[in-house]
C-alpha atoms as a PDB file:
ATOM      1  CA  UNK A   1      29.796-153.049   4.550  1.00  0.00           C
ATOM      2  CA  UNK A   2      30.563-155.403   1.676  1.00  0.00           C
ATOM      3  CA  UNK A   3      32.844-154.172  -1.125  1.00  0.00           C
ATOM      4  CA  UNK A   4      31.461-156.034  -4.146  1.00  0.00           C
ATOM      5  CA  UNK A   5      31.460-153.817  -7.242  1.00  0.00           C
ATOM      6  CA  UNK A   6      28.670-153.836  -9.791  1.00  0.00           C
ATOM      7  CA  UNK A   7      27.008-151.624 -12.357  1.00  0.00           C
ATOM      8  CA  UNK A   8      24.577-149.044 -11.003  1.00  0.00           C
ATOM      9  CA  UNK A   9      22.308-146.427 -12.500  1.00  0.00           C
ATOM     10  CA  UNK A  10      22.441-142.698 -11.961  1.00  0.00           C
ATOM     11  CA  UNK A  11      19.883-141.500  -9.410  1.00  0.00           C
ATOM     12  CA  UNK A  12      17.356-138.806 -10.283  1.00  0.00           C
ATOM     13  CA  UNK A  13      16.339-135.857  -8.126  1.00  0.00           C
ATOM     14  CA  UNK A  14      12.794-136.354  -6.972  1.00  0.00           C
ATOM     15  CA  UNK A  15      10.686-134.922  -4.195  1.00  0.00           C
ATOM     16  CA  UNK A  16      10.450-137.474  -1.392  1.00  0.00           C
ATOM     17  CA  UNK A  17       6.655-137.267  -1.395  1.00  0.00           C
ATOM     18  CA  UNK A  18       6.423-138.433  -5.010  1.00  0.00           C
ATOM     19  CA  UNK A  19       6.560-142.210  -5.268  1.00  0.00           C
ATOM     20  CA  UNK A  20       7.316-142.806  -8.926  1.00  0.00           C
ATOM     21  CA  UNK A  21       7.760-146.525  -9.539  1.00  0.00           C
ATOM     22  CA  UNK A  22       6.058-149.174 -11.616  1.00  0.00           C
ATOM     23  CA  UNK A  23       4.849-150.742  -8.394  1.00  0.00           C
ATOM     24  CA  UNK A  24       3.142-147.595  -7.168  1.00  0.00           C
ATOM     25  CA  UNK A  25      -0.314-149.026  -7.778  1.00  0.00           C
ATOM     26  CA  UNK A  26       0.513-151.944  -5.482  1.00  0.00           C
ATOM     27  CA  UNK A  27       0.581-149.616  -2.476  1.00  0.00           C
ATOM     28  CA  UNK A  28      -3.076-149.121  -1.713  1.00  0.00           C
ATOM     29  CA  UNK A  29      -2.846-148.978   2.070  1.00  0.00           C
ATOM     30  CA  UNK A  30      -5.018-146.126   3.311  1.00  0.00           C
ATOM     31  CA  UNK A  31      -3.237-143.120   4.709  1.00  0.00           C
ATOM     32  CA  UNK A  32      -4.241-142.354   8.262  1.00  0.00           C
ATOM     33  CA  UNK A  33      -3.382-140.133  11.177  1.00  0.00           C
ATOM     34  CA  UNK A  34      -2.225-140.548  14.742  1.00  0.00           C
ATOM     35  CA  UNK A  35      -2.463-138.297  17.775  1.00  0.00           C
ATOM     36  CA  UNK A  36       1.077-138.111  19.166  1.00  0.00           C
ATOM     37  CA  UNK A  37       3.066-136.286  21.856  1.00  0.00           C
ATOM     38  CA  UNK A  38       0.000-136.110  24.097  1.00  0.00           C
ATOM     39  CA  UNK A  39       0.697-133.964  27.161  1.00  0.00           C
ATOM     40  CA  UNK A  40      -1.709-135.484  29.666  1.00  0.00           C
ATOM     41  CA  UNK A  41      -2.569-133.357  32.696  1.00  0.00           C
ATOM     42  CA  UNK A  42      -1.943-135.748  35.601  1.00  0.00           C
ATOM     43  CA  UNK A  43      -0.872-133.172  38.224  1.00  0.00           C
ATOM     44  CA  UNK A  44       2.702-134.379  37.992  1.00  0.00           C
ATOM     45  CA  UNK A  45       1.918-138.043  38.537  1.00  0.00           C
ATOM     46  CA  UNK A  46       4.570-139.765  36.423  1.00  0.00           C
ATOM     47  CA  UNK A  47       3.267-143.299  36.933  1.00  0.00           C
ATOM     48  CA  UNK A  48      -0.219-142.206  35.897  1.00  0.00           C
ATOM     49  CA  UNK A  49       1.160-140.283  32.928  1.00  0.00           C
ATOM     50  CA  UNK A  50       3.149-143.306  31.784  1.00  0.00           C
ATOM     51  CA  UNK A  51       0.053-145.489  32.021  1.00  0.00           C
ATOM     52  CA  UNK A  52      -1.828-143.318  29.516  1.00  0.00           C
ATOM     53  CA  UNK A  53      -1.328-143.833  25.767  1.00  0.00           C
ATOM     54  CA  UNK A  54       1.272-141.638  24.093  1.00  0.00           C
ATOM     55  CA  UNK A  55       0.032-142.391  20.569  1.00  0.00           C
ATOM     56  CA  UNK A  56      -3.582-142.941  19.513  1.00  0.00           C
ATOM     57  CA  UNK A  57      -5.028-143.643  16.071  1.00  0.00           C
ATOM     58  CA  UNK A  58      -7.166-140.661  15.115  1.00  0.00           C
ATOM     59  CA  UNK A  59     -10.823-141.742  14.919  1.00  0.00           C
ATOM     60  CA  UNK A  60     -12.331-141.676  11.449  1.00  0.00           C
ATOM     61  CA  UNK A  61     -14.754-138.862  12.288  1.00  0.00           C
ATOM     62  CA  UNK A  62     -11.742-136.551  12.757  1.00  0.00           C
ATOM     63  CA  UNK A  63      -9.898-137.521   9.574  1.00  0.00           C
ATOM     64  CA  UNK A  64     -10.579-134.227   7.811  1.00  0.00           C
ATOM     65  CA  UNK A  65      -8.215-131.937   5.953  1.00  0.00           C
ATOM     66  CA  UNK A  66      -8.312-128.828   8.193  1.00  0.00           C
ATOM     67  CA  UNK A  67      -6.226-130.151  11.045  1.00  0.00           C
ATOM     68  CA  UNK A  68      -4.925-126.731  12.120  1.00  0.00           C
ATOM     69  CA  UNK A  69      -8.355-125.254  12.777  1.00  0.00           C
ATOM     70  CA  UNK A  70      -8.773-124.345  16.451  1.00  0.00           C
ATOM     71  CA  UNK A  71     -12.361-125.600  16.672  1.00  0.00           C
ATOM     72  CA  UNK A  72     -11.268-128.908  15.154  1.00  0.00           C
ATOM     73  CA  UNK A  73      -8.410-129.303  17.643  1.00  0.00           C
ATOM     74  CA  UNK A  74     -10.781-128.470  20.501  1.00  0.00           C
ATOM     75  CA  UNK A  75     -13.090-131.260  19.345  1.00  0.00           C
ATOM     76  CA  UNK A  76     -10.209-133.745  19.312  1.00  0.00           C
ATOM     77  CA  UNK A  77      -9.129-132.568  22.773  1.00  0.00           C
ATOM     78  CA  UNK A  78     -12.651-133.040  24.127  1.00  0.00           C
ATOM     79  CA  UNK A  79     -12.803-136.530  22.634  1.00  0.00           C
ATOM     80  CA  UNK A  80      -9.487-137.453  24.283  1.00  0.00           C
ATOM     81  CA  UNK A  81     -10.728-136.201  27.657  1.00  0.00           C
ATOM     82  CA  UNK A  82     -14.036-138.052  27.356  1.00  0.00           C
ATOM     83  CA  UNK A  83     -12.355-141.254  26.162  1.00  0.00           C
ATOM     84  CA  UNK A  84      -9.511-141.413  28.705  1.00  0.00           C
ATOM     85  CA  UNK A  85     -10.738-139.258  31.586  1.00  0.00           C
ATOM     86  CA  UNK A  86      -7.903-136.722  31.592  1.00  0.00           C
ATOM     87  CA  UNK A  87      -7.347-133.319  30.047  1.00  0.00           C
ATOM     88  CA  UNK A  88      -4.251-132.444  28.013  1.00  0.00           C
ATOM     89  CA  UNK A  89      -2.148-129.338  27.558  1.00  0.00           C
ATOM     90  CA  UNK A  90      -1.219-130.214  23.988  1.00  0.00           C
ATOM     91  CA  UNK A  91      -0.781-132.865  21.297  1.00  0.00           C
ATOM     92  CA  UNK A  92       0.110-133.205  17.612  1.00  0.00           C
ATOM     93  CA  UNK A  93      -1.729-134.882  14.768  1.00  0.00           C
ATOM     94  CA  UNK A  94       0.670-136.686  12.466  1.00  0.00           C
ATOM     95  CA  UNK A  95       0.035-138.319   9.119  1.00  0.00           C
ATOM     96  CA  UNK A  96       0.918-141.989   8.801  1.00  0.00           C
ATOM     97  CA  UNK A  97       1.585-144.094   5.718  1.00  0.00           C
ATOM     98  CA  UNK A  98       2.242-147.767   5.120  1.00  0.00           C
ATOM     99  CA  UNK A  99       5.687-149.217   5.769  1.00  0.00           C
ATOM    100  CA  UNK A 100       6.361-149.608   2.039  1.00  0.00           C
ATOM    101  CA  UNK A 101       5.437-146.006   1.323  1.00  0.00           C
ATOM    102  CA  UNK A 102       7.560-144.844   4.248  1.00  0.00           C
ATOM    103  CA  UNK A 103      10.615-146.703   2.953  1.00  0.00           C
ATOM    104  CA  UNK A 104      10.038-145.377  -0.569  1.00  0.00           C
ATOM    105  CA  UNK A 105       9.964-141.835   0.803  1.00  0.00           C
ATOM    106  CA  UNK A 106      13.253-142.448   2.571  1.00  0.00           C
ATOM    107  CA  UNK A 107      14.742-143.826  -0.645  1.00  0.00           C
ATOM    108  CA  UNK A 108      13.575-140.860  -2.729  1.00  0.00           C
ATOM    109  CA  UNK A 109      15.066-138.464  -0.195  1.00  0.00           C
ATOM    110  CA  UNK A 110      18.464-140.183  -0.175  1.00  0.00           C
ATOM    111  CA  UNK A 111      18.339-140.567  -3.940  1.00  0.00           C
ATOM    112  CA  UNK A 112      17.848-136.814  -4.377  1.00  0.00           C
ATOM    113  CA  UNK A 113      20.963-136.185  -2.280  1.00  0.00           C
ATOM    114  CA  UNK A 114      22.953-138.797  -4.201  1.00  0.00           C
ATOM    115  CA  UNK A 115      21.919-137.194  -7.478  1.00  0.00           C
ATOM    116  CA  UNK A 116      22.993-133.738  -6.338  1.00  0.00           C
ATOM    117  CA  UNK A 117      26.382-135.064  -5.233  1.00  0.00           C
ATOM    118  CA  UNK A 118      26.854-136.668  -8.652  1.00  0.00           C
ATOM    119  CA  UNK A 119      25.700-133.513 -10.456  1.00  0.00           C
ATOM    120  CA  UNK A 120      28.418-131.553  -8.626  1.00  0.00           C
ATOM    121  CA  UNK A 121      31.127-134.079  -9.553  1.00  0.00           C
ATOM    122  CA  UNK A 122      31.325-135.451  -6.001  1.00  0.00           C
ATOM    123  CA  UNK A 123      33.253-132.371  -4.872  1.00  0.00           C
ATOM    124  CA  UNK A 124      34.126-131.784  -1.244  1.00  0.00           C
ATOM    125  CA  UNK A 125      31.920-128.692  -1.307  1.00  0.00           C
ATOM    126  CA  UNK A 126      28.781-130.633  -2.225  1.00  0.00           C
ATOM    127  CA  UNK A 127      29.582-133.368   0.263  1.00  0.00           C
ATOM    128  CA  UNK A 128      29.999-130.839   3.070  1.00  0.00           C
ATOM    129  CA  UNK A 129      26.761-129.168   2.001  1.00  0.00           C
ATOM    130  CA  UNK A 130      24.728-132.380   2.074  1.00  0.00           C
ATOM    131  CA  UNK A 131      25.912-133.257   5.594  1.00  0.00           C
ATOM    132  CA  UNK A 132      23.192-130.957   6.941  1.00  0.00           C
ATOM    133  CA  UNK A 133      20.577-133.229   5.352  1.00  0.00           C
ATOM    134  CA  UNK A 134      21.944-136.753   5.871  1.00  0.00           C
ATOM    135  CA  UNK A 135      24.835-138.803   7.195  1.00  0.00           C
ATOM    136  CA  UNK A 136      27.677-138.516   4.675  1.00  0.00           C
ATOM    137  CA  UNK A 137      30.899-140.534   4.818  1.00  0.00           C
ATOM    138  CA  UNK A 138      33.772-140.419   2.334  1.00  0.00           C
ATOM    139  CA  UNK A 139      37.553-139.957   2.223  1.00  0.00           C
ATOM    140  CA  UNK A 140      36.968-136.223   1.573  1.00  0.00           C
ATOM    141  CA  UNK A 141      34.678-135.479   4.527  1.00  0.00           C
ATOM    142  CA  UNK A 142      35.712-138.255   6.902  1.00  0.00           C
ATOM    143  CA  UNK A 143      34.326-141.462   8.293  1.00  0.00           C
ATOM    144  CA  UNK A 144      36.011-143.858   5.871  1.00  0.00           C
ATOM    145  CA  UNK A 145      39.044-144.425   3.650  1.00  0.00           C
ATOM    146  CA  UNK A 146      37.058-146.585   1.221  1.00  0.00           C
ATOM    147  CA  UNK A 147      36.616-145.524  -2.394  1.00  0.00           C
ATOM    148  CA  UNK A 148      33.013-144.497  -2.041  1.00  0.00           C
ATOM    149  CA  UNK A 149      30.649-141.844  -0.706  1.00  0.00           C
ATOM    150  CA  UNK A 150      27.954-143.221   1.578  1.00  0.00           C
ATOM    151  CA  UNK A 151      24.651-141.373   1.972  1.00  0.00           C
ATOM    152  CA  UNK A 152      22.391-142.469   4.825  1.00  0.00           C
ATOM    153  CA  UNK A 153      19.056-141.250   6.120  1.00  0.00           C
ATOM    154  CA  UNK A 154      16.772-143.504   8.107  1.00  0.00           C
ATOM    155  CA  UNK A 155      17.149-147.081   6.932  1.00  0.00           C
ATOM    156  CA  UNK A 156      18.426-146.286   3.426  1.00  0.00           C
ATOM    157  CA  UNK A 157      22.097-146.372   2.408  1.00  0.00           C
ATOM    158  CA  UNK A 158      23.356-145.326  -1.024  1.00  0.00           C
ATOM    159  CA  UNK A 159      26.999-145.812  -2.028  1.00  0.00           C
ATOM    160  CA  UNK A 160      28.558-143.803  -4.854  1.00  0.00           C
ATOM    161  CA  UNK A 161      31.699-145.677  -5.854  1.00  0.00           C
ATOM    162  CA  UNK A 162      34.684-144.048  -7.524  1.00  0.00           C
ATOM    163  CA  UNK A 163      34.235-146.309 -10.580  1.00  0.00           C
ATOM    164  CA  UNK A 164      30.744-144.886 -11.186  1.00  0.00           C
ATOM    165  CA  UNK A 165      28.743-147.784  -9.788  1.00  0.00           C
ATOM    166  CA  UNK A 166      25.991-147.166  -7.253  1.00  0.00           C
ATOM    167  CA  UNK A 167      24.866-149.469  -4.475  1.00  0.00           C
ATOM    168  CA  UNK A 168      21.530-149.430  -2.652  1.00  0.00           C
ATOM    169  CA  UNK A 169      20.885-150.962   0.763  1.00  0.00           C
ATOM    170  CA  UNK A 170      17.947-151.201   3.140  1.00  0.00           C
ATOM    171  CA  UNK A 171      19.340-151.808   6.606  1.00  0.00           C
ATOM    172  CA  UNK A 172      16.921-151.159   9.505  1.00  0.00           C
ATOM    173  CA  UNK A 173      19.342-152.684  12.027  1.00  0.00           C
ATOM    174  CA  UNK A 174      22.350-150.644  10.902  1.00  0.00           C
ATOM    175  CA  UNK A 175      24.845-153.487  11.171  1.00  0.00           C
ATOM    176  CA  UNK A 176      27.261-155.202   8.837  1.00  0.00           C
ATOM    177  CA  UNK A 177      25.579-158.114   7.092  1.00  0.00           C
ATOM    178  CA  UNK A 178      22.101-157.264   8.388  1.00  0.00           C
ATOM    179  CA  UNK A 179      20.782-155.680   5.192  1.00  0.00           C
ATOM    180  CA  UNK A 180      17.249-156.588   4.143  1.00  0.00           C
ATOM    181  CA  UNK A 181      18.004-155.486   0.578  1.00  0.00           C
ATOM    182  CA  UNK A 182      21.416-155.072  -1.077  1.00  0.00           C
ATOM    183  CA  UNK A 183      21.681-154.400  -4.805  1.00  0.00           C
ATOM    184  CA  UNK A 184      23.416-152.310  -7.465  1.00  0.00           C
ATOM    185  CA  UNK A 185      20.198-151.727  -9.426  1.00  0.00           C
ATOM    186  CA  UNK A 186      17.758-149.023  -8.334  1.00  0.00           C
ATOM    187  CA  UNK A 187      14.775-150.656 -10.065  1.00  0.00           C
ATOM    188  CA  UNK A 188      15.439-153.937  -8.287  1.00  0.00           C
ATOM    189  CA  UNK A 189      15.820-152.053  -5.021  1.00  0.00           C
ATOM    190  CA  UNK A 190      12.444-150.340  -5.208  1.00  0.00           C
ATOM    191  CA  UNK A 191      10.804-153.518  -6.497  1.00  0.00           C
ATOM    192  CA  UNK A 192      12.103-155.453  -3.481  1.00  0.00           C
ATOM    193  CA  UNK A 193      10.797-152.773  -1.120  1.00  0.00           C
ATOM    194  CA  UNK A 194       7.362-153.251  -2.648  1.00  0.00           C
ATOM    195  CA  UNK A 195       7.520-157.003  -2.073  1.00  0.00           C
ATOM    196  CA  UNK A 196       8.162-156.665   1.684  1.00  0.00           C
ATOM    197  CA  UNK A 197       5.455-158.237   3.798  1.00  0.00           C
ATOM    198  CA  UNK A 198       3.413-156.084   6.110  1.00  0.00           C
ATOM    199  CA  UNK A 199       4.805-155.529   9.591  1.00  0.00           C
ATOM    200  CA  UNK A 200       6.002-157.152  11.681  1.00  0.00           C
ATOM    201  CA  UNK A 201       8.899-157.860   9.312  1.00  0.00           C
ATOM    202  CA  UNK A 202      11.122-160.582  10.801  1.00  0.00           C
ATOM    203  CA  UNK A 203      14.418-161.808   9.370  1.00  0.00           C
ATOM    204  CA  UNK A 204      16.475-164.569  10.993  1.00  0.00           C
ATOM    205  CA  UNK A 205      14.295-164.383  14.110  1.00  0.00           C
ATOM    206  CA  UNK A 206      15.051-160.661  14.485  1.00  0.00           C
ATOM    207  CA  UNK A 207      12.242-158.104  14.276  1.00  0.00           C
ATOM    208  CA  UNK A 208      13.249-155.470  11.713  1.00  0.00           C
ATOM    209  CA  UNK A 209       9.954-153.554  11.685  1.00  0.00           C
ATOM    210  CA  UNK A 210       7.316-153.817  14.368  1.00  0.00           C
ATOM    211  CA  UNK A 211       4.704-151.431  12.947  1.00  0.00           C
ATOM    212  CA  UNK A 212       3.061-151.007   9.565  1.00  0.00           C
ATOM    213  CA  UNK A 213       3.303-147.210   9.690  1.00  0.00           C
ATOM    214  CA  UNK A 214       5.740-144.405   9.033  1.00  0.00           C
ATOM    215  CA  UNK A 215       5.602-140.646   9.493  1.00  0.00           C
ATOM    216  CA  UNK A 216       6.225-138.693   6.255  1.00  0.00           C
ATOM    217  CA  UNK A 217       6.330-135.380   8.121  1.00  0.00           C
ATOM    218  CA  UNK A 218       9.553-136.589   9.758  1.00  0.00           C
ATOM    219  CA  UNK A 219      11.401-136.554   6.432  1.00  0.00           C
ATOM    220  CA  UNK A 220      12.920-133.146   5.695  1.00  0.00           C
ATOM    221  CA  UNK A 221      12.866-131.529   2.273  1.00  0.00           C
ATOM    222  CA  UNK A 222      16.177-131.673   0.465  1.00  0.00           C
ATOM    223  CA  UNK A 223      17.254-128.360  -1.133  1.00  0.00           C
ATOM    224  CA  UNK A 224      19.803-128.909  -3.931  1.00  0.00           C
ATOM    225  CA  UNK A 225      22.982-126.873  -3.792  1.00  0.00           C
ATOM    226  CA  UNK A 226      23.040-123.975  -6.266  1.00  0.00           C
END
């Protein structure tokens, strides 16, 4: 990654499901749901199984709140069988959000970890602790000899430099020089996320994001070190 130094701002601990930015009102995309991990009963026929959809947008008539109710799940299962002609032995219903919301959730999660590391004076203990929640690289815990701590989860990278500056990157391709956003200002970072076009997002003829959805249930909850 680049080594330019700038002035950053201290991150704040925030739950990843709370999107607290001035541009929050700009994200009006409707939350939806998908049926995923569908275990089609095809009597072991792999080719037939592969030909059936693995993810399906949940029809509007099923977009209710009580998604763990057995009668509700039976109704969804019956609809799947009627629609596609095959029974299933199981599936999951997963919430989806817009790409911008998904990236903001990733940022808030990484930002909470960065804040906790700073609150504990960047000690080796806190860095070792946070490794269970995200990818952490630093001279103290390994992965680099550079004068920074790098926190990564998903497509978000936050660098805590020894001089106190903080760097924020959005890098869906995970390669040097491929960052979609690269700044030392957290407000600019979130503002640029909110200006991203809807998927597909293409940069230099490379597809960075194919779909306009993310799965908030995939993001774990960060528990600060006591």
